[in-house]
Amino acid sequence: MPFVELDTNLPASRVPAGLEKRLCAATAAILGKPEDRVNVTVRPGLAMAVSGSNEPCAQLLVSSIGVVGTAEDNRGHSARLFEFLTKELGLGQDRCVGAERRHSRDRCATDLV
């Protein structure tokens, strides 16, 4: 069950209405998971800095119990998710950062993407 958390310093008024539903659908399609198993949280209006700048930015965290995919798969997932986000939020790719986290019984591994 993937959990998707989008944090952004964009004010809520600049976050497109229904983004959470579109992000849920996009994540399901990208990860090959059923949409009814994807959970999305969008948190706008946060105090954030990316690369030392507080210009408009976003941070995406994708967590999943079990394996999301290989490192190569994760790079592909990341590229597609950030293509979606940059279009939806009107941000440059250098203003979006993210991580995918896989949880297993014995360990928690994080791959920066």
N, C-alpha and C. Protein backbone atom coordinates (compact mmCIF):
# COMPACT_ATOMS: atom_id res chain seq x y z
N MET A 1 0.84 -1.17 0.00
CA MET A 1 0.00 0.00 0.00
C MET A 1 0.90 1.24 0.00
N PRO A 2 1.01 1.93 -1.12
CA PRO A 2 1.85 3.12 -1.17
C PRO A 2 1.23 4.31 -0.42
N PHE A 3 2.10 5.02 0.27
CA PHE A 3 1.74 6.27 0.93
C PHE A 3 2.53 7.36 0.22
N VAL A 4 1.85 8.42 -0.19
CA VAL A 4 2.47 9.51 -0.92
C VAL A 4 2.25 10.79 -0.12
N GLU A 5 3.35 11.48 0.19
CA GLU A 5 3.27 12.73 0.94
C GLU A 5 3.92 13.83 0.12
N LEU A 6 3.13 14.85 -0.19
CA LEU A 6 3.63 16.00 -0.94
C LEU A 6 3.64 17.21 -0.01
N ASP A 7 4.81 17.73 0.26
CA ASP A 7 4.99 18.95 1.03
C ASP A 7 5.40 20.05 0.08
N THR A 8 4.84 21.25 0.27
CA THR A 8 5.21 22.37 -0.59
C THR A 8 5.09 23.68 0.18
N ASN A 9 5.91 24.63 -0.22
CA ASN A 9 5.80 25.96 0.37
C ASN A 9 4.83 26.83 -0.43
N LEU A 10 4.24 26.29 -1.48
CA LEU A 10 3.22 27.03 -2.21
C LEU A 10 2.01 27.22 -1.30
N PRO A 11 1.41 28.39 -1.30
CA PRO A 11 0.19 28.57 -0.51
C PRO A 11 -0.93 27.69 -1.07
N ALA A 12 -1.88 27.34 -0.22
CA ALA A 12 -2.99 26.48 -0.65
C ALA A 12 -3.70 27.05 -1.87
N SER A 13 -3.75 28.37 -1.98
CA SER A 13 -4.43 29.00 -3.11
C SER A 13 -3.72 28.73 -4.44
N ARG A 14 -2.43 28.33 -4.40
CA ARG A 14 -1.68 28.04 -5.63
C ARG A 14 -1.61 26.54 -5.94
N VAL A 15 -2.18 25.73 -5.06
CA VAL A 15 -2.22 24.29 -5.29
C VAL A 15 -3.53 23.99 -6.02
N PRO A 16 -3.44 23.41 -7.21
CA PRO A 16 -4.66 23.17 -8.00
C PRO A 16 -5.68 22.31 -7.25
N ALA A 17 -6.94 22.70 -7.35
CA ALA A 17 -8.01 21.93 -6.73
C ALA A 17 -8.00 20.50 -7.27
N GLY A 18 -8.18 19.53 -6.40
CA GLY A 18 -8.23 18.13 -6.80
C GLY A 18 -6.87 17.50 -7.05
N LEU A 19 -5.78 18.21 -6.70
CA LEU A 19 -4.44 17.66 -6.94
C LEU A 19 -4.26 16.31 -6.26
N GLU A 20 -4.77 16.16 -5.05
CA GLU A 20 -4.57 14.91 -4.32
C GLU A 20 -5.19 13.73 -5.07
N LYS A 21 -6.33 13.92 -5.71
CA LYS A 21 -6.96 12.83 -6.46
C LYS A 21 -6.17 12.51 -7.73
N ARG A 22 -5.70 13.55 -8.41
CA ARG A 22 -4.90 13.31 -9.63
C ARG A 22 -3.56 12.68 -9.29
N LEU A 23 -2.95 13.10 -8.16
CA LEU A 23 -1.68 12.50 -7.72
C LEU A 23 -1.89 11.04 -7.33
N CYS A 24 -3.01 10.72 -6.72
CA CYS A 24 -3.34 9.34 -6.38
C CYS A 24 -3.44 8.48 -7.64
N ALA A 25 -4.17 8.98 -8.63
CA ALA A 25 -4.34 8.24 -9.89
C ALA A 25 -3.01 8.09 -10.62
N ALA A 26 -2.22 9.16 -10.65
CA ALA A 26 -0.92 9.10 -11.33
C ALA A 26 0.01 8.12 -10.64
N THR A 27 0.05 8.15 -9.31
CA THR A 27 0.91 7.24 -8.55
C THR A 27 0.51 5.79 -8.81
N ALA A 28 -0.78 5.51 -8.79
CA ALA A 28 -1.26 4.15 -9.04
C ALA A 28 -0.82 3.67 -10.42
N ALA A 29 -0.99 4.54 -11.41
CA ALA A 29 -0.60 4.16 -12.78
C ALA A 29 0.91 3.95 -12.89
N ILE A 30 1.68 4.84 -12.29
CA ILE A 30 3.14 4.77 -12.38
C ILE A 30 3.69 3.54 -11.67
N LEU A 31 3.15 3.24 -10.47
CA LEU A 31 3.65 2.11 -9.68
C LEU A 31 2.98 0.79 -10.04
N GLY A 32 1.93 0.85 -10.87
CA GLY A 32 1.21 -0.38 -11.21
C GLY A 32 0.46 -0.95 -10.02
N LYS A 33 -0.08 -0.08 -9.19
CA LYS A 33 -0.84 -0.49 -8.00
C LYS A 33 -2.30 -0.08 -8.19
N PRO A 34 -3.22 -0.75 -7.51
CA PRO A 34 -4.62 -0.32 -7.61
C PRO A 34 -4.80 1.05 -6.94
N GLU A 35 -5.57 1.91 -7.58
CA GLU A 35 -5.77 3.27 -7.06
C GLU A 35 -6.38 3.25 -5.66
N ASP A 36 -7.24 2.27 -5.39
CA ASP A 36 -7.88 2.23 -4.07
C ASP A 36 -6.94 1.78 -2.96
N ARG A 37 -5.68 1.50 -3.30
CA ARG A 37 -4.68 1.13 -2.29
C ARG A 37 -3.65 2.24 -2.07
N VAL A 38 -3.76 3.35 -2.81
CA VAL A 38 -2.80 4.46 -2.71
C VAL A 38 -3.36 5.54 -1.79
N ASN A 39 -2.55 6.00 -0.86
CA ASN A 39 -2.94 7.05 0.09
C ASN A 39 -2.09 8.28 -0.16
N VAL A 40 -2.74 9.44 -0.32
CA VAL A 40 -2.05 10.68 -0.66
C VAL A 40 -2.36 11.75 0.38
N THR A 41 -1.32 12.46 0.80
CA THR A 41 -1.46 13.64 1.66
C THR A 41 -0.75 14.79 0.97
N VAL A 42 -1.42 15.94 0.87
CA VAL A 42 -0.83 17.15 0.30
C VAL A 42 -0.82 18.21 1.40
N ARG A 43 0.38 18.72 1.70
CA ARG A 43 0.53 19.75 2.74
C ARG A 43 1.11 21.02 2.11
N PRO A 44 0.26 22.02 1.81
CA PRO A 44 0.74 23.28 1.26
C PRO A 44 1.10 24.28 2.37
N GLY A 45 1.75 25.37 1.97
CA GLY A 45 1.99 26.48 2.88
C GLY A 45 3.03 26.23 3.96
N LEU A 46 3.96 25.33 3.73
CA LEU A 46 4.98 25.01 4.73
C LEU A 46 6.20 25.92 4.58
N ALA A 47 6.90 26.15 5.66
CA ALA A 47 8.19 26.84 5.60
C ALA A 47 9.21 25.82 5.10
N MET A 48 9.73 26.01 3.90
CA MET A 48 10.64 25.04 3.29
C MET A 48 11.74 25.75 2.52
N ALA A 49 12.87 25.07 2.41
CA ALA A 49 13.97 25.52 1.55
C ALA A 49 14.51 24.31 0.82
N VAL A 50 14.79 24.47 -0.46
CA VAL A 50 15.44 23.44 -1.26
C VAL A 50 16.69 24.06 -1.85
N SER A 51 17.81 23.38 -1.68
CA SER A 51 19.10 23.86 -2.18
C SER A 51 19.40 25.27 -1.69
N GLY A 52 19.05 25.53 -0.44
CA GLY A 52 19.36 26.82 0.18
C GLY A 52 18.44 27.96 -0.21
N SER A 53 17.40 27.69 -0.96
CA SER A 53 16.49 28.74 -1.43
C SER A 53 15.06 28.42 -0.99
N ASN A 54 14.34 29.46 -0.57
CA ASN A 54 12.94 29.25 -0.22
C ASN A 54 12.00 29.69 -1.34
N GLU A 55 12.53 29.75 -2.57
CA GLU A 55 11.67 29.96 -3.74
C GLU A 55 10.68 28.79 -3.79
N PRO A 56 9.57 28.93 -4.53
CA PRO A 56 8.57 27.85 -4.58
C PRO A 56 9.22 26.49 -4.84
N CYS A 57 8.82 25.51 -4.03
CA CYS A 57 9.42 24.18 -4.12
C CYS A 57 8.43 23.13 -3.62
N ALA A 58 8.77 21.87 -3.84
CA ALA A 58 7.96 20.75 -3.39
C ALA A 58 8.88 19.59 -3.05
N GLN A 59 8.41 18.77 -2.12
CA GLN A 59 9.14 17.57 -1.70
C GLN A 59 8.14 16.42 -1.69
N LEU A 60 8.50 15.33 -2.34
CA LEU A 60 7.62 14.18 -2.45
C LEU A 60 8.27 12.98 -1.78
N LEU A 61 7.51 12.28 -0.94
CA LEU A 61 7.97 11.05 -0.30
C LEU A 61 6.99 9.95 -0.66
N VAL A 62 7.50 8.87 -1.24
CA VAL A 62 6.68 7.72 -1.57
C VAL A 62 7.17 6.56 -0.72
N SER A 63 6.28 6.03 0.12
CA SER A 63 6.61 4.89 0.99
C SER A 63 5.72 3.73 0.63
N SER A 64 6.28 2.53 0.75
CA SER A 64 5.49 1.35 0.45
C SER A 64 5.97 0.19 1.30
N ILE A 65 5.03 -0.58 1.82
CA ILE A 65 5.37 -1.80 2.53
C ILE A 65 5.61 -2.85 1.46
N GLY A 66 6.77 -3.47 1.51
CA GLY A 66 7.18 -4.37 0.45
C GLY A 66 8.03 -3.60 -0.54
N VAL A 67 8.26 -4.16 -1.67
CA VAL A 67 9.17 -3.56 -2.64
C VAL A 67 8.40 -2.69 -3.62
N VAL A 68 8.85 -1.44 -3.78
CA VAL A 68 8.30 -0.55 -4.80
C VAL A 68 8.89 -0.93 -6.14
N GLY A 69 10.16 -1.28 -6.17
CA GLY A 69 10.82 -1.67 -7.40
C GLY A 69 12.32 -1.64 -7.22
N THR A 70 13.04 -1.92 -8.28
CA THR A 70 14.50 -1.86 -8.26
C THR A 70 14.94 -0.39 -8.28
N ALA A 71 16.21 -0.15 -8.09
CA ALA A 71 16.73 1.22 -8.17
C ALA A 71 16.45 1.81 -9.55
N GLU A 72 16.58 0.99 -10.58
CA GLU A 72 16.29 1.46 -11.94
C GLU A 72 14.80 1.78 -12.09
N ASP A 73 13.94 0.91 -11.55
CA ASP A 73 12.50 1.17 -11.57
C ASP A 73 12.20 2.49 -10.85
N ASN A 74 12.83 2.69 -9.69
CA ASN A 74 12.58 3.89 -8.89
C ASN A 74 12.98 5.16 -9.64
N ARG A 75 14.05 5.11 -10.39
CA ARG A 75 14.44 6.28 -11.20
C ARG A 75 13.36 6.60 -12.23
N GLY A 76 12.80 5.56 -12.84
CA GLY A 76 11.71 5.76 -13.79
C GLY A 76 10.46 6.30 -13.11
N HIS A 77 10.13 5.73 -11.94
CA HIS A 77 8.98 6.23 -11.17
C HIS A 77 9.18 7.70 -10.84
N SER A 78 10.37 8.02 -10.37
CA SER A 78 10.68 9.39 -9.97
C SER A 78 10.51 10.35 -11.14
N ALA A 79 11.06 9.99 -12.28
CA ALA A 79 10.98 10.87 -13.45
C ALA A 79 9.53 11.13 -13.83
N ARG A 80 8.71 10.10 -13.80
CA ARG A 80 7.30 10.26 -14.17
C ARG A 80 6.53 11.06 -13.12
N LEU A 81 6.79 10.81 -11.85
CA LEU A 81 6.12 11.56 -10.79
C LEU A 81 6.50 13.04 -10.84
N PHE A 82 7.77 13.32 -11.07
CA PHE A 82 8.19 14.72 -11.08
C PHE A 82 7.75 15.43 -12.36
N GLU A 83 7.60 14.69 -13.45
CA GLU A 83 7.01 15.29 -14.65
C GLU A 83 5.58 15.72 -14.34
N PHE A 84 4.84 14.85 -13.67
CA PHE A 84 3.47 15.16 -13.26
C PHE A 84 3.46 16.39 -12.34
N LEU A 85 4.32 16.39 -11.32
CA LEU A 85 4.32 17.48 -10.33
C LEU A 85 4.74 18.82 -10.93
N THR A 86 5.77 18.82 -11.74
CA THR A 86 6.23 20.09 -12.30
C THR A 86 5.15 20.71 -13.17
N LYS A 87 4.40 19.87 -13.89
CA LYS A 87 3.31 20.37 -14.72
C LYS A 87 2.17 20.88 -13.84
N GLU A 88 1.78 20.11 -12.85
CA GLU A 88 0.66 20.47 -11.98
C GLU A 88 0.94 21.73 -11.15
N LEU A 89 2.18 21.85 -10.64
CA LEU A 89 2.51 22.93 -9.72
C LEU A 89 3.23 24.10 -10.40
N GLY A 90 3.62 23.92 -11.65
CA GLY A 90 4.31 24.99 -12.35
C GLY A 90 5.70 25.26 -11.79
N LEU A 91 6.39 24.21 -11.36
CA LEU A 91 7.73 24.33 -10.79
C LEU A 91 8.76 23.72 -11.72
N GLY A 92 9.99 24.22 -11.67
CA GLY A 92 11.09 23.59 -12.38
C GLY A 92 11.51 22.32 -11.67
N GLN A 93 12.09 21.37 -12.40
CA GLN A 93 12.51 20.11 -11.78
C GLN A 93 13.56 20.32 -10.70
N ASP A 94 14.32 21.42 -10.79
CA ASP A 94 15.32 21.68 -9.75
C ASP A 94 14.66 22.17 -8.45
N ARG A 95 13.35 22.40 -8.47
CA ARG A 95 12.63 22.86 -7.28
C ARG A 95 11.79 21.74 -6.67
N CYS A 96 11.94 20.52 -7.18
CA CYS A 96 11.25 19.35 -6.64
C CYS A 96 12.28 18.34 -6.19
N VAL A 97 12.13 17.83 -4.98
CA VAL A 97 13.01 16.78 -4.48
C VAL A 97 12.14 15.65 -3.96
N GLY A 98 12.74 14.46 -3.81
CA GLY A 98 11.92 13.36 -3.33
C GLY A 98 12.71 12.15 -2.92
N ALA A 99 11.98 11.19 -2.38
CA ALA A 99 12.57 9.93 -1.96
C ALA A 99 11.51 8.85 -2.07
N GLU A 100 11.96 7.64 -2.30
CA GLU A 100 11.07 6.49 -2.23
C GLU A 100 11.60 5.63 -1.10
N ARG A 101 10.70 5.17 -0.27
CA ARG A 101 11.09 4.37 0.88
C ARG A 101 10.36 3.04 0.80
N ARG A 102 11.12 1.96 0.97
CA ARG A 102 10.53 0.62 1.01
C ARG A 102 10.67 0.11 2.43
N HIS A 103 9.63 -0.48 2.94
CA HIS A 103 9.67 -1.07 4.28
C HIS A 103 9.54 -2.58 4.14
N SER A 104 10.36 -3.27 4.88
CA SER A 104 10.20 -4.72 4.96
C SER A 104 10.16 -5.07 6.44
N ARG A 105 9.97 -6.31 6.74
CA ARG A 105 9.89 -6.74 8.12
C ARG A 105 11.17 -6.42 8.89
N ASP A 106 12.30 -6.57 8.27
CA ASP A 106 13.58 -6.47 8.96
C ASP A 106 14.28 -5.13 8.84
N ARG A 107 13.88 -4.29 7.86
CA ARG A 107 14.65 -3.08 7.65
C ARG A 107 13.81 -2.02 6.97
N CYS A 108 14.29 -0.83 7.02
CA CYS A 108 13.69 0.27 6.28
C CYS A 108 14.81 0.86 5.43
N ALA A 109 14.66 0.87 4.12
CA ALA A 109 15.69 1.39 3.24
C ALA A 109 15.15 2.59 2.49
N THR A 110 15.95 3.61 2.36
CA THR A 110 15.54 4.80 1.62
C THR A 110 16.46 4.99 0.43
N ASP A 111 15.87 5.18 -0.73
CA ASP A 111 16.63 5.48 -1.94
C ASP A 111 16.27 6.89 -2.36
N LEU A 112 17.23 7.79 -2.36
CA LEU A 112 16.97 9.15 -2.84
C LEU A 112 16.82 9.08 -4.34
N VAL A 113 15.85 9.79 -4.85
CA VAL A 113 15.60 9.79 -6.29
C VAL A 113 15.58 11.20 -6.81
